[in-house]
Amino acid sequence: MIALDLIGIGTGNPRHLTLQAIDAMNAADLILIPTKGEEKDDLAGLRRDICARVLTNPDTKVVEFALPVRDPAITNYRARVEAWHDTIAAIWTETIRAHLGSGVRVAFLVWGDPSLYDSTLRIAERVAKALPLAVHVVPGITSIQALTAAHAIPLNSINGPVTITTGRQIRDNGFPPGTDTAVVMLDGELSFRTLDPEGLHIWWTGYAGMETEISLSGPAASVSDAIAEARAAARAAHGWIMDIYLLRRSSPVRA
């Protein structure tokens, strides 16, 4: 049986690691690190830095693999993602087989937490069909926590519901009904600009929790352009950006 530890490592700050995460990394025989090409090498670099800082087990091997891109020929979004997950699972399986036998422990360092808008658990399910896996999860600090910490704000209003959603959902369906607070992730188009800005406040952060963290907030109508400009400049400077924002209506929905 192969033990697979999916370790949440927070949002890029090595100090986000829990003691449980450090113990799991040092218990691993193999740690897998995905690479996404030169433009996003910072992400692999942060994982390498974390390993260099906390690994004390000389027998732990760190192996990198190239993460494939989604097939643009598959026009259906869900089908494209499913095919992508299948390809990644095949690479995981091949890499584990190449470097380990049975009865060992493998670790994968997951950005944020494996439970939140992350595909690692779904990919692990696919790998388990080819290899005898026992999957364990070590929770990590999420980008939502880093966002609210950056702005020193509570996630929810008093007795208010919170919806966690994506930019695609905001563009297609508008502000989520039945809630006064929405956290928006995976949004490369700043989709809040498709909403009526009246009574809408935004807290936006790029590179949440990292040394390069940038944050802006205010009435959506007033800060929309500033956020767009800051985002574009940061992406041009680094070659990539990960950002997240919280939207709150001034007239809360009462539970």
Protein backbone atom coordinates (compact mmCIF):
# COMPACT_ATOMS: atom_id res chain seq x y z
CA MET A 1 0.00 0.00 0.00
CA ILE A 2 1.24 3.47 -0.91
CA ALA A 3 0.41 6.30 1.50
CA LEU A 4 -0.33 9.54 -0.33
CA ASP A 5 -0.22 12.67 1.82
CA LEU A 6 -1.86 15.73 0.29
CA ILE A 7 -0.29 18.54 2.28
CA GLY A 8 -1.79 22.01 2.36
CA ILE A 9 1.09 24.50 2.35
CA GLY A 10 -0.79 27.78 2.53
CA THR A 11 -0.51 30.56 -0.02
CA GLY A 12 3.21 30.79 -0.62
CA ASN A 13 4.52 31.95 2.75
CA PRO A 14 6.73 29.24 4.33
CA ARG A 15 5.49 30.42 7.74
CA HIS A 16 2.02 29.17 6.79
CA LEU A 17 3.21 25.58 7.23
CA THR A 18 1.76 23.77 10.21
CA LEU A 19 3.80 21.44 12.39
CA GLN A 20 1.64 18.63 11.03
CA ALA A 21 2.64 19.58 7.47
CA ILE A 22 6.34 19.64 8.38
CA ASP A 23 6.07 16.22 10.03
CA ALA A 24 4.29 14.78 6.98
CA MET A 25 6.93 16.15 4.60
CA ASN A 26 9.75 14.61 6.61
CA ALA A 27 7.93 11.28 6.80
CA ALA A 28 7.71 11.10 3.00
CA ASP A 29 9.95 8.95 0.83
CA LEU A 30 9.02 11.02 -2.22
CA ILE A 31 7.70 14.58 -2.61
CA LEU A 32 6.20 15.51 -5.98
CA ILE A 33 6.49 19.10 -7.27
CA PRO A 34 4.64 20.18 -10.42
CA THR A 35 6.18 22.73 -12.76
CA LYS A 36 4.14 24.98 -15.06
CA GLY A 37 6.78 26.37 -17.38
CA GLU A 38 9.06 29.38 -17.12
CA GLU A 39 6.25 31.94 -16.71
CA LYS A 40 5.03 30.27 -13.53
CA ASP A 41 8.35 28.94 -12.23
CA ASP A 42 7.87 31.10 -9.12
CA LEU A 43 5.25 28.60 -7.93
CA ALA A 44 7.59 25.62 -8.24
CA GLY A 45 10.34 27.76 -6.74
CA LEU A 46 8.26 28.44 -3.65
CA ARG A 47 7.69 24.72 -3.20
CA ARG A 48 11.43 24.11 -3.60
CA ASP A 49 12.13 26.81 -1.02
CA ILE A 50 9.69 25.24 1.42
CA CYS A 51 11.37 21.86 1.01
CA ALA A 52 14.82 23.40 1.51
CA ARG A 53 13.67 25.12 4.69
CA VAL A 54 11.91 22.26 6.48
CA LEU A 55 13.21 18.95 5.14
CA THR A 56 15.56 17.30 7.60
CA ASN A 57 15.14 13.71 6.40
CA PRO A 58 18.08 12.96 4.07
CA ASP A 59 16.21 10.02 2.54
CA THR A 60 13.31 12.11 1.23
CA LYS A 61 13.52 12.51 -2.54
CA VAL A 62 12.05 15.58 -4.25
CA VAL A 63 10.98 14.93 -7.83
CA GLU A 64 9.54 17.47 -10.27
CA PHE A 65 7.21 16.79 -13.17
CA ALA A 66 5.84 19.01 -15.92
CA LEU A 67 2.17 19.81 -15.47
CA PRO A 68 0.30 19.47 -18.79
CA VAL A 69 -1.96 22.19 -20.15
CA ARG A 70 -5.64 21.78 -20.88
CA ASP A 71 -6.52 20.70 -24.41
CA PRO A 72 -8.03 23.75 -26.19
CA ALA A 73 -9.53 21.43 -28.81
CA ILE A 74 -12.06 20.22 -26.22
CA THR A 75 -14.64 22.99 -26.25
CA ASN A 76 -16.83 21.79 -23.38
CA TYR A 77 -15.39 23.22 -20.14
CA ARG A 78 -16.16 20.24 -17.90
CA ALA A 79 -14.97 17.71 -20.48
CA ARG A 80 -11.76 19.70 -20.95
CA VAL A 81 -11.08 19.67 -17.20
CA GLU A 82 -11.89 15.96 -16.87
CA ALA A 83 -9.48 15.11 -19.69
CA TRP A 84 -6.82 17.30 -18.08
CA HIS A 85 -7.25 15.49 -14.75
CA ASP A 86 -6.92 12.13 -16.52
CA THR A 87 -3.62 13.24 -18.06
CA ILE A 88 -2.25 14.53 -14.76
CA ALA A 89 -3.24 11.30 -12.99
CA ALA A 90 -1.36 9.29 -15.60
CA ILE A 91 1.76 11.40 -15.01
CA TRP A 92 1.46 10.96 -11.24
CA THR A 93 1.14 7.21 -11.67
CA GLU A 94 4.13 7.01 -13.99
CA THR A 95 6.28 9.19 -11.71
CA ILE A 96 5.44 7.22 -8.55
CA ARG A 97 6.14 3.92 -10.29
CA ALA A 98 9.45 5.23 -11.62
CA HIS A 99 10.74 6.32 -8.24
CA LEU A 100 9.09 4.04 -5.69
CA GLY A 101 8.00 0.51 -5.11
CA SER A 102 5.05 -0.48 -2.94
CA GLY A 103 4.65 0.16 0.76
CA VAL A 104 6.01 3.71 0.69
CA ARG A 105 4.88 7.26 1.43
CA VAL A 106 4.41 9.96 -1.20
CA ALA A 107 3.62 13.62 -0.53
CA PHE A 108 2.18 16.27 -2.79
CA LEU A 109 2.38 19.91 -1.71
CA VAL A 110 -0.98 21.57 -2.34
CA TRP A 111 -1.38 25.32 -2.66
CA GLY A 112 -3.71 26.55 0.08
CA ASP A 113 -5.83 23.61 1.21
CA PRO A 114 -6.81 20.48 -0.77
CA SER A 115 -10.51 21.05 -0.04
CA LEU A 116 -10.92 24.45 -1.70
CA TYR A 117 -11.05 24.82 -5.49
CA ASP A 118 -8.22 22.37 -5.92
CA SER A 119 -8.17 19.28 -8.13
CA THR A 120 -5.67 17.20 -6.19
CA LEU A 121 -8.19 14.99 -4.39
CA ARG A 122 -9.99 14.25 -7.67
CA ILE A 123 -6.70 13.38 -9.35
CA ALA A 124 -5.77 11.12 -6.41
CA GLU A 125 -9.04 9.22 -6.94
CA ARG A 126 -7.92 8.48 -10.50
CA VAL A 127 -4.44 7.39 -9.41
CA ALA A 128 -6.03 5.05 -6.85
CA LYS A 129 -7.52 3.08 -9.75
CA ALA A 130 -4.01 2.25 -10.95
CA LEU A 131 -2.06 2.09 -7.69
CA PRO A 132 -2.94 0.88 -4.16
CA LEU A 133 -3.31 4.24 -2.42
CA ALA A 134 -4.30 5.31 1.06
CA VAL A 135 -4.95 9.06 0.85
CA HIS A 136 -4.39 11.36 3.83
CA VAL A 137 -4.99 15.12 3.93
CA VAL A 138 -3.05 17.67 5.96
CA PRO A 139 -5.09 20.92 5.99
CA GLY A 140 -3.49 24.23 5.11
CA ILE A 141 -4.22 27.96 5.31
CA THR A 142 -6.52 28.96 2.46
CA SER A 143 -6.39 32.02 0.22
CA ILE A 144 -9.67 33.08 1.83
CA GLN A 145 -7.98 33.29 5.21
CA ALA A 146 -5.05 35.15 3.68
CA LEU A 147 -7.45 37.58 1.98
CA THR A 148 -9.38 38.44 5.13
CA ALA A 149 -6.12 38.73 7.09
CA ALA A 150 -4.67 41.09 4.48
CA HIS A 151 -7.62 43.45 4.90
CA ALA A 152 -8.24 42.74 8.63
CA ILE A 153 -11.92 42.02 7.98
CA PRO A 154 -14.31 39.29 9.11
CA LEU A 155 -15.40 36.83 6.45
CA ASN A 156 -19.09 37.17 7.25
CA SER A 157 -21.44 39.90 8.35
CA ILE A 158 -23.31 39.39 11.65
CA ASN A 159 -25.37 36.20 11.25
CA GLY A 160 -24.85 36.54 7.49
CA PRO A 161 -24.29 33.75 4.96
CA VAL A 162 -21.21 33.52 2.74
CA THR A 163 -20.98 32.07 -0.75
CA ILE A 164 -17.67 30.92 -2.21
CA THR A 165 -17.83 31.01 -5.99
CA THR A 166 -15.87 31.58 -9.20
CA GLY A 167 -15.55 34.33 -11.76
CA ARG A 168 -17.34 32.18 -14.32
CA GLN A 169 -20.35 31.89 -12.02
CA ILE A 170 -20.41 35.65 -11.39
CA ARG A 171 -20.30 36.37 -15.13
CA ASP A 172 -22.98 33.81 -15.98
CA ASN A 173 -25.32 34.18 -13.01
CA GLY A 174 -24.62 37.49 -11.29
CA PHE A 175 -24.24 38.04 -7.56
CA PRO A 176 -25.17 34.82 -5.71
CA PRO A 177 -28.75 34.98 -4.41
CA GLY A 178 -29.56 34.59 -0.72
CA THR A 179 -26.28 35.99 0.58
CA ASP A 180 -24.70 39.35 1.33
CA THR A 181 -21.08 38.17 1.01
CA ALA A 182 -19.41 36.41 -1.89
CA VAL A 183 -15.78 35.30 -2.10
CA VAL A 184 -14.72 35.02 -5.73
CA MET A 185 -11.85 32.77 -6.84
CA LEU A 186 -10.43 31.62 -10.18
CA ASP A 187 -11.32 34.88 -11.86
CA GLY A 188 -8.96 36.02 -14.57
CA GLU A 189 -11.41 38.61 -15.88
CA LEU A 190 -12.34 40.63 -12.77
CA SER A 191 -15.93 39.53 -13.25
CA PHE A 192 -17.26 41.79 -10.50
CA ARG A 193 -17.22 44.52 -13.14
CA THR A 194 -20.21 42.82 -14.81
CA LEU A 195 -22.30 43.48 -11.68
CA ASP A 196 -24.29 46.58 -10.77
CA PRO A 197 -21.79 48.37 -8.48
CA GLU A 198 -24.47 50.20 -6.50
CA GLY A 199 -24.07 49.33 -2.81
CA LEU A 200 -21.26 46.86 -3.55
CA HIS A 201 -17.96 46.93 -1.63
CA ILE A 202 -14.90 44.94 -2.68
CA TRP A 203 -11.75 43.75 -0.91
CA TRP A 204 -9.21 42.50 -3.48
CA THR A 205 -5.80 40.91 -2.93
CA GLY A 206 -3.20 39.59 -5.33
CA TYR A 207 -0.57 37.07 -4.23
CA ALA A 208 -2.36 36.70 -0.90
CA GLY A 209 0.05 35.75 1.86
CA MET A 210 3.17 36.12 -0.27
CA GLU A 211 5.94 38.72 0.00
CA THR A 212 4.55 40.36 -3.16
CA GLU A 213 1.03 40.69 -1.70
CA ILE A 214 -0.97 43.71 -2.93
CA SER A 215 -4.39 44.76 -1.67
CA LEU A 216 -7.03 47.30 -2.61
CA SER A 217 -10.51 47.89 -1.26
CA GLY A 218 -13.45 50.26 -1.42
CA PRO A 219 -16.77 50.79 -3.16
CA ALA A 220 -16.70 48.72 -6.35
CA ALA A 221 -17.59 51.71 -8.48
CA SER A 222 -14.63 53.69 -7.11
CA VAL A 223 -11.83 51.11 -7.10
CA SER A 224 -12.66 48.98 -10.15
CA ASP A 225 -10.19 50.72 -12.45
CA ALA A 226 -7.45 50.82 -9.82
CA ILE A 227 -7.78 47.06 -9.24
CA ALA A 228 -7.67 46.35 -12.98
CA GLU A 229 -4.54 48.49 -13.37
CA ALA A 230 -2.79 46.96 -10.35
CA ARG A 231 -3.62 43.45 -11.54
CA ALA A 232 -2.33 44.08 -15.05
CA ALA A 233 0.89 45.65 -13.78
CA ALA A 234 1.54 42.79 -11.34
CA ARG A 235 0.93 40.17 -14.00
CA ALA A 236 3.28 41.95 -16.39
CA ALA A 237 5.95 42.13 -13.70
CA HIS A 238 5.75 38.51 -12.55
CA GLY A 239 4.38 36.71 -15.61
CA TRP A 240 1.44 35.35 -13.61
CA ILE A 241 -0.95 36.36 -10.87
CA MET A 242 -3.19 34.63 -8.37
CA ASP A 243 -5.82 36.88 -6.89
CA ILE A 244 -9.01 36.64 -4.87
CA TYR A 245 -11.63 39.09 -3.70
CA LEU A 246 -14.57 39.45 -1.36
CA LEU A 247 -17.75 41.27 -2.35
CA ARG A 248 -20.26 42.52 0.22
CA ARG A 249 -23.60 44.20 -0.33
CA SER A 250 -24.39 47.23 1.81
CA SER A 251 -27.94 45.91 2.33
CA PRO A 252 -27.34 42.51 3.93
CA VAL A 253 -29.58 39.52 3.42
CA ARG A 254 -30.97 38.48 6.80
CA ALA A 255 -31.02 34.83 7.71
